[in-house]
Amino acid sequence: MISKIVDFSNLKGDLIGGLVAGVVALPLALAFGVQSGMGATAGLYGAIMVGIFAALFGGTPTQASGPTGPMTVVSAALVVAGIQLTGSLEAAMGIILLSFLLGGALQIVFGLINIAGYVKYFPYPVISGFMSGVGLIIILLQLFPFVGLTSAKSTFIILGDLPRLFSEFNIHALALGILTVLIYYLFPLITKAIPSALAALVIAALAGYFLSWDVPIIGEIPSGIPSLQIGTMFSNIPSEAYPLIIEYAAVLAVLGSIDSLLTSVIADNMTKTRHNSNRELIGQGIGNMLAAAFGGIPGAGATKGTVVNINAGGKTRISGAIHGLFLLAVLLGLGSLAAYIPLSVLAGLLIPIGFKIIDIKGLKHLLRVPRADAIVLILVLLITTFGSLIQAVGLGVALASILFMKKASDLGEKGITIESIENLKDEKPWQDELSFYDEYKDKVVIKHLKGPLFFGFTTHLKNQVATMDKKIKSLIIRMDEVPLIDQSGLYTLEDIVFDLQQLGIQVLLVNLQEQPMDKLRSIDIIPDLVAEEHLFVNIEEAFAYIKKTNRID
């Protein structure tokens, strides 16, 4: 039975990859636990449970899962809402943990009913705006701990309270925070053998300890195996709390699914494999339910941990499980030492993480992307940062859909049409393809795409390519008349290229316009899946390349 779940063929690589991923995850688990409002212990518990069980039951063999910035921000908002309703964290624990449990259960349902095929198609501006808002929230919430002060949980209140940063700061806490940030960014210049986050945590924490500075610290962390919290989550929950529970569970489930599946795509591009989306959500749901059962915060696929796991040699789900088991060993053996870590050091780790989550590229291109996309991104960012996370996503999706329909209509008025996708074998060659087509039509297929490649047509395109003759050598996709592509189009092209390459069929892209090119590069489809040498300015170059590389012999 165990052999059906795990693969021992790459044990050495998985062991090293899992240990490295665990080392990277340790400081972030502590920091995210503190940011959630439930304490560092909750971060460790969540990292252990999600790390082990999402790896064993998930659909991405190299995925390293645990608390992430977006999931922690939502968890922190839930903690605040629960305390406002009940008066204290202890009284709100039932509401909080039941929300986490239900969120995990919803993820399992998503996987069972194939919601995974739709979750990853959220519009790009919505994801970009939401993630940037999450990054900004993390930065704002850590400003006061960075200087040794307690922070309000509302971003509005924090903005109004900013003058206190300059009048009441703890100079020693500020020094440790700055030291942490400097080490985080500069340590990789010395060596990349040790994760910079871990180096920053250890060096800054030891500096504070040996200098005996009076700064706020994490405080006591219980050692030993965590106890079940089932009784807590099913007792003393007021009836008015159930709408809150359902609301936050739904947001955690959707956000955790998006977060994990995006990381899965990155893992696929690095390993040239293909994850099982539905199984991934089931595994994440199991991990999050167990995290809730033991009092931990929920998590998702962690991009940084996954990347270092793969780079260190991890190839199977054993690596992710070892990453979680390493954190369990730390909890059992070093929990008492973690109690002395200054909160300003954790803030010094989280502030750079917040900046990494912000979609700098998307913000930088605001004046260059279509106005509709820019409006959606800005609105979602502002509502996420200063309003409701739930309303931000809902409004963003609605706006994106409406504005895209308007954009498609405008393009149609300019003479660019959105046509039904014809059967590939019935598609007529263009004038500049005739001589080549007549000679090599049994070995090369040319597909013409016209109009925006968005969610309304991706399924048709996938179905037509799926029925293509698998004996051909090359597929040329002409994108002369594709002015833009959305998230659905990106994933569809990725799936098509991956599936055809597995069959030994070469995919060439001709005349990519600026926006589609930018989006394909933004998630590394180019160059990780489609090599630079497979991009052509015109069809003649593509024909010459095929002849030169003997793809038609």
Protein backbone atom coordinates (compact mmCIF):
# COMPACT_ATOMS: atom_id res chain seq x y z
CA MET A 1 0.00 0.00 0.00
CA ILE A 2 2.80 2.42 0.94
CA SER A 3 4.58 1.73 -2.36
CA LYS A 4 1.48 2.95 -4.20
CA ILE A 5 1.70 6.32 -2.43
CA VAL A 6 5.45 6.88 -2.41
CA ASP A 7 8.31 6.13 -4.78
CA PHE A 8 11.69 5.24 -3.25
CA SER A 9 13.62 5.35 -6.54
CA ASN A 10 15.12 8.77 -5.81
CA LEU A 11 15.56 8.49 -2.03
CA LYS A 12 18.88 10.34 -1.76
CA GLY A 13 17.73 13.29 -3.88
CA ASP A 14 14.38 13.41 -2.08
CA LEU A 15 16.09 13.36 1.31
CA ILE A 16 18.37 16.28 0.42
CA GLY A 17 15.59 18.22 -1.33
CA GLY A 18 13.19 17.74 1.57
CA LEU A 19 15.74 18.81 4.18
CA VAL A 20 16.67 21.95 2.23
CA ALA A 21 12.98 22.81 1.75
CA GLY A 22 12.42 22.27 5.47
CA VAL A 23 15.26 24.60 6.38
CA VAL A 24 13.78 27.28 4.10
CA ALA A 25 10.29 26.74 5.55
CA LEU A 26 11.28 26.94 9.24
CA PRO A 27 11.71 30.71 9.66
CA LEU A 28 8.70 31.44 7.44
CA ALA A 29 6.48 29.04 9.41
CA LEU A 30 7.37 30.85 12.64
CA ALA A 31 6.87 34.27 11.04
CA PHE A 32 3.55 33.43 9.38
CA GLY A 33 2.30 31.92 12.64
CA VAL A 34 3.01 35.16 14.48
CA GLN A 35 1.44 37.24 11.69
CA SER A 36 -1.73 35.16 11.79
CA GLY A 37 -2.34 36.25 15.37
CA MET A 38 -2.33 32.64 16.61
CA GLY A 39 1.35 32.48 17.50
CA ALA A 40 4.50 30.86 16.13
CA THR A 41 3.34 27.44 17.33
CA ALA A 42 0.31 27.53 15.03
CA GLY A 43 2.63 28.29 12.11
CA LEU A 44 4.80 25.27 12.89
CA TYR A 45 1.80 22.97 13.39
CA GLY A 46 0.35 24.08 10.05
CA ALA A 47 3.67 23.67 8.24
CA ILE A 48 4.11 20.15 9.64
CA MET A 49 0.63 18.85 8.85
CA VAL A 50 0.20 20.47 5.44
CA GLY A 51 3.82 19.73 4.54
CA ILE A 52 3.54 16.00 5.23
CA PHE A 53 0.02 15.16 4.13
CA ALA A 54 -0.35 17.44 1.11
CA ALA A 55 2.85 15.82 -0.18
CA LEU A 56 1.65 12.25 0.40
CA PHE A 57 -1.83 12.70 -1.06
CA GLY A 58 -1.35 15.61 -3.49
CA GLY A 59 -0.95 15.59 -7.25
CA THR A 60 2.37 17.41 -7.63
CA PRO A 61 5.24 15.09 -6.60
CA THR A 62 7.76 17.88 -5.97
CA GLN A 63 5.42 20.29 -4.18
CA ALA A 64 6.53 21.61 -0.77
CA SER A 65 3.46 22.95 1.04
CA GLY A 66 2.98 25.05 4.13
CA PRO A 67 1.77 28.45 5.35
CA THR A 68 1.99 31.11 2.62
CA GLY A 69 1.57 34.87 2.58
CA PRO A 70 -1.90 34.95 0.97
CA MET A 71 -3.30 32.19 3.20
CA THR A 72 -1.84 33.82 6.31
CA VAL A 73 -3.37 37.21 5.49
CA VAL A 74 -6.82 35.64 5.16
CA SER A 75 -6.25 33.64 8.37
CA ALA A 76 -5.24 36.82 10.20
CA ALA A 77 -8.41 38.58 8.99
CA LEU A 78 -10.45 35.65 10.27
CA VAL A 79 -8.71 35.81 13.65
CA VAL A 80 -9.54 39.51 13.93
CA ALA A 81 -13.18 38.90 12.95
CA GLY A 82 -13.44 36.03 15.44
CA ILE A 83 -12.03 38.11 18.29
CA GLN A 84 -14.39 40.99 17.47
CA LEU A 85 -17.31 38.57 17.67
CA THR A 86 -16.31 36.74 20.86
CA GLY A 87 -14.03 39.13 22.73
CA SER A 88 -10.82 37.06 22.90
CA LEU A 89 -8.60 34.73 20.91
CA GLU A 90 -9.34 31.82 23.24
CA ALA A 91 -13.09 32.26 22.84
CA ALA A 92 -12.72 32.61 19.07
CA MET A 93 -10.60 29.46 18.57
CA GLY A 94 -13.63 27.30 17.81
CA ILE A 95 -14.73 29.68 15.02
CA ILE A 96 -11.20 29.96 13.64
CA LEU A 97 -10.35 26.25 13.59
CA LEU A 98 -13.76 25.21 12.26
CA SER A 99 -13.29 27.69 9.39
CA PHE A 100 -9.88 26.16 8.65
CA LEU A 101 -11.36 22.64 8.79
CA LEU A 102 -14.26 23.49 6.49
CA GLY A 103 -11.90 25.25 4.07
CA GLY A 104 -9.85 22.05 3.78
CA ALA A 105 -13.00 19.99 3.30
CA LEU A 106 -14.12 22.30 0.48
CA GLN A 107 -10.78 21.80 -1.25
CA ILE A 108 -11.35 18.04 -1.17
CA VAL A 109 -14.80 18.60 -2.69
CA PHE A 110 -13.24 20.83 -5.36
CA GLY A 111 -10.90 18.00 -6.28
CA LEU A 112 -13.63 15.36 -6.33
CA ILE A 113 -15.97 17.33 -8.61
CA ASN A 114 -13.21 18.61 -10.91
CA ILE A 115 -13.42 22.27 -9.87
CA ALA A 116 -9.62 22.29 -10.26
CA GLY A 117 -10.08 22.64 -14.01
CA TYR A 118 -11.78 26.02 -13.46
CA VAL A 119 -10.10 27.46 -10.37
CA LYS A 120 -6.85 28.13 -12.23
CA TYR A 121 -8.63 30.25 -14.84
CA PHE A 122 -9.18 33.30 -12.65
CA PRO A 123 -8.40 36.40 -14.73
CA TYR A 124 -4.80 37.59 -14.49
CA PRO A 125 -5.62 41.14 -13.29
CA VAL A 126 -7.64 39.69 -10.41
CA ILE A 127 -4.83 37.39 -9.29
CA SER A 128 -2.24 40.15 -9.75
CA GLY A 129 -4.27 42.73 -7.83
CA PHE A 130 -5.11 40.31 -5.06
CA MET A 131 -1.54 39.09 -4.61
CA SER A 132 -0.19 42.65 -4.66
CA GLY A 133 -2.76 43.61 -2.04
CA VAL A 134 -1.74 40.66 0.10
CA GLY A 135 1.92 41.67 -0.18
CA LEU A 136 1.08 45.23 0.83
CA ILE A 137 -0.92 43.99 3.83
CA ILE A 138 2.04 41.90 5.01
CA ILE A 139 4.36 44.90 4.77
CA LEU A 140 1.98 47.26 6.58
CA LEU A 141 1.25 44.80 9.39
CA GLN A 142 4.98 44.25 10.00
CA LEU A 143 6.05 47.89 10.14
CA PHE A 144 5.35 48.25 13.87
CA PRO A 145 6.84 44.87 14.98
CA PHE A 146 9.91 45.83 12.90
CA VAL A 147 10.58 48.69 15.34
CA GLY A 148 9.51 46.82 18.48
CA LEU A 149 5.92 48.07 18.76
CA THR A 150 2.58 46.28 18.73
CA SER A 151 0.57 46.70 15.54
CA ALA A 152 -3.09 47.27 14.86
CA LYS A 153 -4.73 44.62 12.68
CA SER A 154 -6.45 47.13 10.39
CA THR A 155 -4.48 48.63 7.51
CA PHE A 156 -6.52 51.84 7.77
CA ILE A 157 -5.61 52.24 11.44
CA ILE A 158 -1.96 51.49 10.69
CA LEU A 159 -1.81 54.31 8.13
CA GLY A 160 -3.25 56.75 10.66
CA ASP A 161 -0.84 55.53 13.33
CA LEU A 162 2.35 55.85 11.26
CA PRO A 163 3.74 58.87 13.19
CA ARG A 164 4.17 56.60 16.22
CA LEU A 165 6.80 54.66 14.27
CA PHE A 166 9.13 57.66 14.54
CA SER A 167 8.39 58.72 18.11
CA GLU A 168 8.14 55.45 20.09
CA PHE A 169 10.38 52.98 18.25
CA ASN A 170 12.70 50.59 20.11
CA ILE A 171 16.18 51.31 18.75
CA HIS A 172 17.43 47.80 19.54
CA ALA A 173 14.47 46.12 17.83
CA LEU A 174 14.97 48.38 14.81
CA ALA A 175 18.67 47.45 14.68
CA LEU A 176 17.86 43.73 14.70
CA GLY A 177 15.20 44.22 12.05
CA ILE A 178 17.59 46.08 9.76
CA LEU A 179 20.28 43.46 10.38
CA THR A 180 17.80 40.73 9.38
CA VAL A 181 16.87 42.46 6.12
CA LEU A 182 20.52 43.10 5.23
CA ILE A 183 21.48 39.47 5.82
CA TYR A 184 18.43 38.26 3.89
CA TYR A 185 19.49 40.18 0.78
CA LEU A 186 23.29 40.08 1.08
CA PHE A 187 23.94 36.55 2.36
CA PRO A 188 23.35 34.93 -1.08
CA LEU A 189 26.30 36.97 -2.37
CA ILE A 190 28.52 35.03 0.07
CA THR A 191 27.02 31.55 -0.37
CA LYS A 192 23.79 29.98 -1.57
CA ALA A 193 24.46 26.71 0.26
CA ILE A 194 22.56 28.05 3.29
CA PRO A 195 19.14 29.69 2.75
CA SER A 196 19.41 33.40 3.45
CA ALA A 197 16.18 33.43 5.48
CA LEU A 198 17.62 30.85 7.88
CA ALA A 199 20.96 32.65 8.10
CA ALA A 200 19.18 35.93 8.85
CA LEU A 201 17.01 34.31 11.52
CA VAL A 202 19.88 32.61 13.33
CA ILE A 203 22.43 35.45 13.17
CA ALA A 204 20.01 38.24 14.16
CA ALA A 205 18.39 36.15 16.91
CA LEU A 206 21.80 35.24 18.38
CA ALA A 207 22.87 38.89 18.23
CA GLY A 208 19.81 39.95 20.20
CA TYR A 209 20.28 37.15 22.74
CA PHE A 210 23.97 37.69 23.48
CA LEU A 211 23.64 41.48 23.55
CA SER A 212 20.80 41.06 26.11
CA TRP A 213 18.72 43.71 24.38
CA ASP A 214 15.24 44.35 25.73
CA VAL A 215 13.11 43.61 22.68
CA PRO A 216 9.77 41.79 22.24
CA ILE A 217 10.30 38.06 21.58
CA ILE A 218 8.13 35.13 20.43
CA GLY A 219 7.81 33.70 23.93
CA GLU A 220 7.13 30.14 25.04
CA ILE A 221 6.62 27.53 22.31
CA PRO A 222 5.21 24.20 23.53
CA SER A 223 7.36 21.18 22.70
CA GLY A 224 6.10 17.72 21.90
CA ILE A 225 3.36 16.35 19.66
CA PRO A 226 0.46 18.83 19.32
CA SER A 227 -2.86 17.77 20.84
CA LEU A 228 -6.10 17.40 18.92
CA GLN A 229 -8.41 20.42 18.98
CA ILE A 230 -11.60 18.71 17.78
CA GLY A 231 -13.43 19.54 20.99
CA THR A 232 -12.48 23.21 20.69
CA MET A 233 -13.83 23.64 17.19
CA PHE A 234 -17.21 22.09 17.91
CA SER A 235 -18.04 23.81 21.20
CA ASN A 236 -19.22 27.25 22.27
CA ILE A 237 -19.73 28.63 18.77
CA PRO A 238 -22.46 31.31 18.69
CA SER A 239 -25.08 30.92 15.97
CA GLU A 240 -24.20 34.31 14.44
CA ALA A 241 -20.68 32.99 13.72
CA TYR A 242 -21.72 30.40 11.13
CA PRO A 243 -22.05 32.84 8.18
CA LEU A 244 -18.54 34.07 9.05
CA ILE A 245 -17.23 30.49 9.15
CA ILE A 246 -18.74 29.62 5.76
CA GLU A 247 -17.51 32.86 4.20
CA TYR A 248 -13.90 32.50 5.29
CA ALA A 249 -13.82 28.76 4.62
CA ALA A 250 -14.85 29.43 1.01
CA VAL A 251 -12.18 32.12 0.57
CA LEU A 252 -9.46 29.93 2.10
CA ALA A 253 -10.48 27.01 -0.13
CA VAL A 254 -10.49 29.06 -3.34
CA LEU A 255 -7.33 31.00 -2.51
CA GLY A 256 -5.47 27.90 -1.32
CA SER A 257 -6.44 26.12 -4.52
CA ILE A 258 -5.27 28.96 -6.78
CA ASP A 259 -2.05 29.39 -4.78
CA SER A 260 -1.26 25.67 -4.95
CA LEU A 261 -2.11 25.19 -8.62
CA LEU A 262 0.00 28.16 -9.69
CA THR A 263 2.94 26.66 -7.80
CA SER A 264 2.18 23.29 -9.42
CA VAL A 265 2.51 24.90 -12.86
CA ILE A 266 5.90 26.30 -11.88
CA ALA A 267 6.95 22.82 -10.71
CA ASP A 268 5.74 21.33 -14.01
CA ASN A 269 7.81 23.82 -16.00
CA MET A 270 10.92 23.03 -13.97
CA THR A 271 10.57 19.24 -14.04
CA LYS A 272 8.88 18.91 -17.47
CA THR A 273 6.15 16.81 -15.85
CA ARG A 274 2.42 17.37 -15.46
CA HIS A 275 0.61 17.56 -12.14
CA ASN A 276 -2.83 16.14 -11.35
CA SER A 277 -4.88 19.21 -10.43
CA ASN A 278 -7.78 17.37 -8.80
CA ARG A 279 -5.52 15.16 -6.73
CA GLU A 280 -3.48 18.22 -5.72
CA LEU A 281 -6.55 19.90 -4.27
CA ILE A 282 -7.55 16.73 -2.43
CA GLY A 283 -4.07 16.50 -0.90
CA GLN A 284 -4.07 20.17 0.08
CA GLY A 285 -7.52 19.76 1.62
CA ILE A 286 -6.42 16.74 3.70
CA GLY A 287 -3.37 18.66 4.90
CA ASN A 288 -5.40 21.73 5.85
CA MET A 289 -8.03 19.69 7.67
CA LEU A 290 -5.34 17.97 9.74
CA ALA A 291 -3.64 21.31 10.40
CA ALA A 292 -6.93 22.64 11.77
CA ALA A 293 -7.45 19.51 13.85
CA PHE A 294 -4.14 20.16 15.64
CA GLY A 295 -4.49 23.93 15.96
CA GLY A 296 -2.33 24.96 12.97
CA ILE A 297 -2.89 27.62 10.33
CA PRO A 298 -3.77 26.50 6.78
CA GLY A 299 -1.31 26.49 3.93
CA ALA A 300 -0.84 25.88 0.22
CA GLY A 301 1.86 24.98 -2.26
CA ALA A 302 4.83 27.20 -1.39
CA THR A 303 6.71 28.41 -4.46
CA LYS A 304 10.05 29.04 -2.76
CA GLY A 305 10.09 25.70 -0.94
CA THR A 306 9.05 23.85 -4.09
CA VAL A 307 11.77 25.49 -6.20
CA VAL A 308 14.57 24.75 -3.71
CA ASN A 309 13.30 21.19 -3.30
CA ILE A 310 13.52 20.58 -7.05
CA ASN A 311 16.89 22.30 -7.38
CA ALA A 312 18.30 20.22 -4.50
CA GLY A 313 17.28 16.94 -6.14
CA GLY A 314 13.73 16.27 -4.96
CA LYS A 315 11.64 14.38 -7.51
CA THR A 316 8.92 12.46 -5.63
CA ARG A 317 6.38 13.11 -2.89
CA ILE A 318 8.83 11.71 -0.32
CA SER A 319 10.74 15.01 -0.54
CA GLY A 320 7.70 17.05 0.54
CA ALA A 321 6.96 14.66 3.38
CA ILE A 322 10.57 14.86 4.61
CA HIS A 323 10.28 18.67 4.57
CA GLY A 324 7.34 18.37 7.00
CA LEU A 325 9.03 15.72 9.14
CA PHE A 326 12.09 17.97 9.50
CA LEU A 327 9.87 20.70 10.93
CA LEU A 328 8.36 18.17 13.34
CA ALA A 329 11.86 17.25 14.51
CA VAL A 330 12.59 20.94 15.08
CA LEU A 331 9.41 21.30 17.09
CA LEU A 332 10.28 18.31 19.26
CA GLY A 333 13.90 19.29 19.84
CA LEU A 334 14.40 23.03 19.42
CA GLY A 335 11.05 24.59 20.30
CA SER A 336 12.36 26.10 23.54
CA LEU A 337 15.18 27.90 21.68
CA ALA A 338 12.75 29.47 19.20
CA ALA A 339 11.04 31.24 22.09
CA TYR A 340 13.92 33.77 22.23
CA ILE A 341 13.60 34.91 18.61
CA PRO A 342 12.80 38.67 18.52
CA LEU A 343 9.58 39.68 16.77
CA SER A 344 11.50 42.37 14.87
CA VAL A 345 13.62 39.61 13.32
CA LEU A 346 10.50 37.83 12.06
CA ALA A 347 9.23 41.17 10.72
CA GLY A 348 12.57 41.56 8.95
CA LEU A 349 11.90 38.24 7.19
CA LEU A 350 8.28 38.97 6.31
CA ILE A 351 8.74 42.46 4.85
CA PRO A 352 10.96 41.16 1.98
CA ILE A 353 8.43 38.34 1.47
CA GLY A 354 5.70 40.97 1.16
CA PHE A 355 7.65 42.80 -1.53
CA LYS A 356 8.18 39.51 -3.41
CA ILE A 357 4.45 38.78 -3.39
CA ILE A 358 3.63 42.18 -4.90
CA ASP A 359 3.39 41.82 -8.68
CA ILE A 360 5.94 44.51 -9.53
CA LYS A 361 5.85 43.59 -13.20
CA GLY A 362 2.06 43.94 -13.37
CA LEU A 363 2.16 47.31 -11.62
CA LYS A 364 5.03 48.50 -13.81
CA HIS A 365 3.00 47.70 -16.94
CA LEU A 366 -0.20 49.41 -15.75
CA LEU A 367 0.15 52.19 -18.32
CA ARG A 368 1.00 49.74 -21.11
CA VAL A 369 -1.68 47.07 -20.64
CA PRO A 370 -5.30 47.52 -21.78
CA ARG A 371 -7.09 50.08 -19.62
CA ALA A 372 -9.74 47.57 -18.56
CA ASP A 373 -7.12 45.21 -17.12
CA ALA A 374 -5.41 48.08 -15.31
CA ILE A 375 -8.69 49.24 -13.74
CA VAL A 376 -9.51 45.73 -12.51
CA LEU A 377 -6.02 45.26 -11.07
CA ILE A 378 -6.05 48.57 -9.18
CA LEU A 379 -9.56 48.09 -7.81
CA VAL A 380 -8.82 44.56 -6.59
CA LEU A 381 -5.55 45.74 -5.03
CA LEU A 382 -7.21 48.60 -3.13
CA ILE A 383 -10.19 46.56 -1.93
CA THR A 384 -7.88 43.73 -0.86
CA THR A 385 -5.59 46.06 1.08
CA PHE A 386 -8.13 48.35 2.70
CA GLY A 387 -11.43 46.48 2.47
CA SER A 388 -12.71 42.92 2.31
CA LEU A 389 -10.64 40.10 0.80
CA ILE A 390 -13.84 38.31 -0.14
CA GLN A 391 -15.37 41.32 -1.88
CA ALA A 392 -12.09 42.00 -3.67
CA VAL A 393 -12.06 38.63 -5.44
CA GLY A 394 -15.80 38.64 -6.22
CA LEU A 395 -15.81 42.17 -7.59
CA GLY A 396 -12.60 41.55 -9.51
CA VAL A 397 -13.96 38.51 -11.35
CA ALA A 398 -17.23 40.30 -12.17
CA LEU A 399 -15.43 43.39 -13.45
CA ALA A 400 -12.93 41.37 -15.45
CA SER A 401 -15.70 39.47 -17.19
CA ILE A 402 -17.72 42.58 -18.03
CA LEU A 403 -14.75 44.63 -19.19
CA PHE A 404 -13.38 41.78 -21.28
CA MET A 405 -16.69 41.45 -23.12
CA LYS A 406 -16.51 45.19 -23.83
CA LYS A 407 -12.91 44.83 -24.99
CA ALA A 408 -13.79 41.94 -27.31
CA SER A 409 -16.63 44.00 -28.74
CA ASP A 410 -14.30 46.93 -29.41
CA LEU A 411 -11.83 44.65 -31.17
CA GLY A 412 -14.63 43.29 -33.34
CA GLU A 413 -15.59 46.81 -34.39
CA LYS A 414 -12.00 47.37 -35.52
CA GLY A 415 -12.19 44.40 -37.84
CA ILE A 416 -10.74 41.68 -35.64
CA THR A 417 -13.22 38.86 -35.32
CA ILE A 418 -13.65 36.10 -32.79
CA GLU A 419 -14.32 33.06 -34.93
CA SER A 420 -15.32 29.53 -34.16
CA ILE A 421 -12.34 27.23 -34.22
CA GLU A 422 -12.55 24.92 -37.19
CA ASN A 423 -11.46 21.34 -37.40
CA LEU A 424 -7.73 21.34 -38.06
CA LYS A 425 -7.91 19.01 -41.02
CA ASP A 426 -10.49 21.26 -42.73
CA GLU A 427 -8.58 24.49 -42.18
CA LYS A 428 -7.58 26.15 -45.44
CA PRO A 429 -3.94 27.26 -45.89
CA TRP A 430 -3.15 30.93 -46.35
CA GLN A 431 -1.58 32.20 -49.58
CA ASP A 432 1.97 32.29 -48.17
CA GLU A 433 1.65 28.65 -47.06
CA LEU A 434 0.43 27.00 -50.25
CA SER A 435 3.67 25.60 -51.69
CA PHE A 436 4.88 24.26 -48.35
CA TYR A 437 1.42 22.91 -47.44
CA ASP A 438 1.00 20.98 -50.67
CA GLU A 439 4.34 19.24 -50.20
CA TYR A 440 4.31 18.52 -46.46
CA LYS A 441 0.63 18.51 -45.38
CA ASP A 442 0.93 14.94 -44.01
CA LYS A 443 3.75 15.88 -41.64
CA VAL A 444 3.07 19.50 -40.65
CA VAL A 445 -0.18 21.07 -39.41
CA ILE A 446 -0.66 24.85 -39.48
CA LYS A 447 -3.23 26.35 -37.09
CA HIS A 448 -4.46 29.94 -37.52
CA LEU A 449 -5.74 31.72 -34.42
CA LYS A 450 -7.88 34.81 -34.89
CA GLY A 451 -8.97 37.31 -32.26
CA PRO A 452 -8.37 37.31 -28.49
CA LEU A 453 -7.50 33.92 -27.04
CA PHE A 454 -9.62 33.91 -23.91
CA PHE A 455 -11.76 31.60 -21.79
CA GLY A 456 -14.60 31.51 -24.32
CA PHE A 457 -12.57 29.58 -26.90
CA THR A 458 -9.86 27.69 -25.08
CA THR A 459 -11.91 24.52 -24.69
CA HIS A 460 -12.60 24.38 -28.43
CA LEU A 461 -8.94 24.82 -29.26
CA LYS A 462 -7.95 22.07 -26.84
CA ASN A 463 -10.51 19.68 -28.27
CA GLN A 464 -9.40 20.30 -31.85
CA VAL A 465 -5.74 19.76 -31.07
CA ALA A 466 -6.63 16.61 -29.13
CA THR A 467 -8.16 15.10 -32.28
CA MET A 468 -5.15 15.96 -34.45
CA ASP A 469 -3.29 13.15 -36.21
CA LYS A 470 -0.51 12.15 -33.82
CA LYS A 471 1.72 10.99 -36.70
CA ILE A 472 2.61 14.53 -37.70
CA LYS A 473 6.06 15.95 -36.87
CA SER A 474 5.30 19.64 -36.23
CA LEU A 475 2.41 21.95 -35.35
CA ILE A 476 2.78 25.59 -36.39
CA ILE A 477 0.48 28.00 -34.53
CA ARG A 478 0.11 31.32 -36.36
CA MET A 479 -0.78 34.13 -33.94
CA ASP A 480 -0.65 37.07 -36.36
CA GLU A 481 -4.21 38.09 -35.42
CA VAL A 482 -4.15 37.35 -31.67
CA PRO A 483 -3.92 40.77 -29.98
CA LEU A 484 -4.22 39.48 -26.42
CA ILE A 485 -4.38 36.36 -24.31
CA ASP A 486 -5.85 35.84 -20.85
CA GLN A 487 -4.99 33.40 -18.08
CA SER A 488 -7.17 30.68 -19.59
CA GLY A 489 -5.40 31.06 -22.91
CA LEU A 490 -2.01 30.82 -21.22
CA TYR A 491 -2.83 27.56 -19.50
CA THR A 492 -4.43 26.13 -22.63
CA LEU A 493 -1.35 26.82 -24.74
CA GLU A 494 0.79 25.36 -21.99
CA ASP A 495 -1.28 22.15 -21.89
CA ILE A 496 -1.25 21.84 -25.68
CA VAL A 497 2.50 22.29 -25.98
CA PHE A 498 3.20 19.91 -23.10
CA ASP A 499 0.91 17.16 -24.42
CA LEU A 500 2.28 17.38 -27.96
CA GLN A 501 5.89 17.41 -26.82
CA GLN A 502 5.22 14.25 -24.86
CA LEU A 503 4.19 12.69 -28.17
CA GLY A 504 7.33 13.96 -29.91
CA ILE A 505 5.48 16.67 -31.83
CA GLN A 506 7.29 19.98 -32.15
CA VAL A 507 5.26 23.19 -31.57
CA LEU A 508 6.33 26.43 -33.27
CA LEU A 509 4.78 29.86 -32.59
CA VAL A 510 4.73 32.44 -35.39
CA ASN A 511 4.35 36.23 -35.11
CA LEU A 512 3.50 36.57 -31.41
CA GLN A 513 2.14 40.02 -30.62
CA GLU A 514 3.46 42.04 -27.66
CA GLN A 515 0.81 41.17 -25.06
CA PRO A 516 0.72 37.40 -25.71
CA MET A 517 4.53 37.31 -25.77
CA ASP A 518 4.71 39.16 -22.43
CA LYS A 519 2.18 36.85 -20.77
CA LEU A 520 3.84 33.67 -22.06
CA ARG A 521 7.13 34.88 -20.60
CA SER A 522 5.54 35.99 -17.33
CA ILE A 523 4.84 32.41 -16.24
CA ASP A 524 7.91 30.97 -17.97
CA ILE A 525 6.12 29.05 -20.71
CA ILE A 526 8.78 30.82 -22.74
CA PRO A 527 11.57 29.68 -22.54
CA ASP A 528 10.99 26.70 -20.19
CA LEU A 529 8.39 24.95 -22.36
CA VAL A 530 8.63 26.76 -25.69
CA ALA A 531 12.29 27.40 -26.53
CA GLU A 532 13.37 30.74 -27.97
CA GLU A 533 14.42 28.95 -31.17
CA HIS A 534 10.78 27.89 -31.67
CA LEU A 535 9.55 31.51 -31.96
CA PHE A 536 9.43 33.06 -35.44
CA VAL A 537 8.62 36.48 -36.84
CA ASN A 538 7.07 35.07 -40.02
CA ILE A 539 5.97 31.78 -41.54
CA GLU A 540 8.91 31.59 -43.96
CA GLU A 541 11.35 31.41 -41.03
CA ALA A 542 9.32 28.59 -39.49
CA PHE A 543 9.35 26.61 -42.75
CA ALA A 544 13.10 27.08 -43.11
CA TYR A 545 13.67 25.90 -39.54
CA ILE A 546 11.59 22.75 -40.07
CA LYS A 547 13.53 21.88 -43.22
CA LYS A 548 16.87 22.62 -41.56
CA THR A 549 16.14 20.42 -38.53
CA ASN A 550 14.88 17.53 -40.68
CA ARG A 551 11.44 17.48 -39.06
CA ILE A 552 9.84 16.44 -42.34
CA ASP A 553 11.99 13.49 -43.40
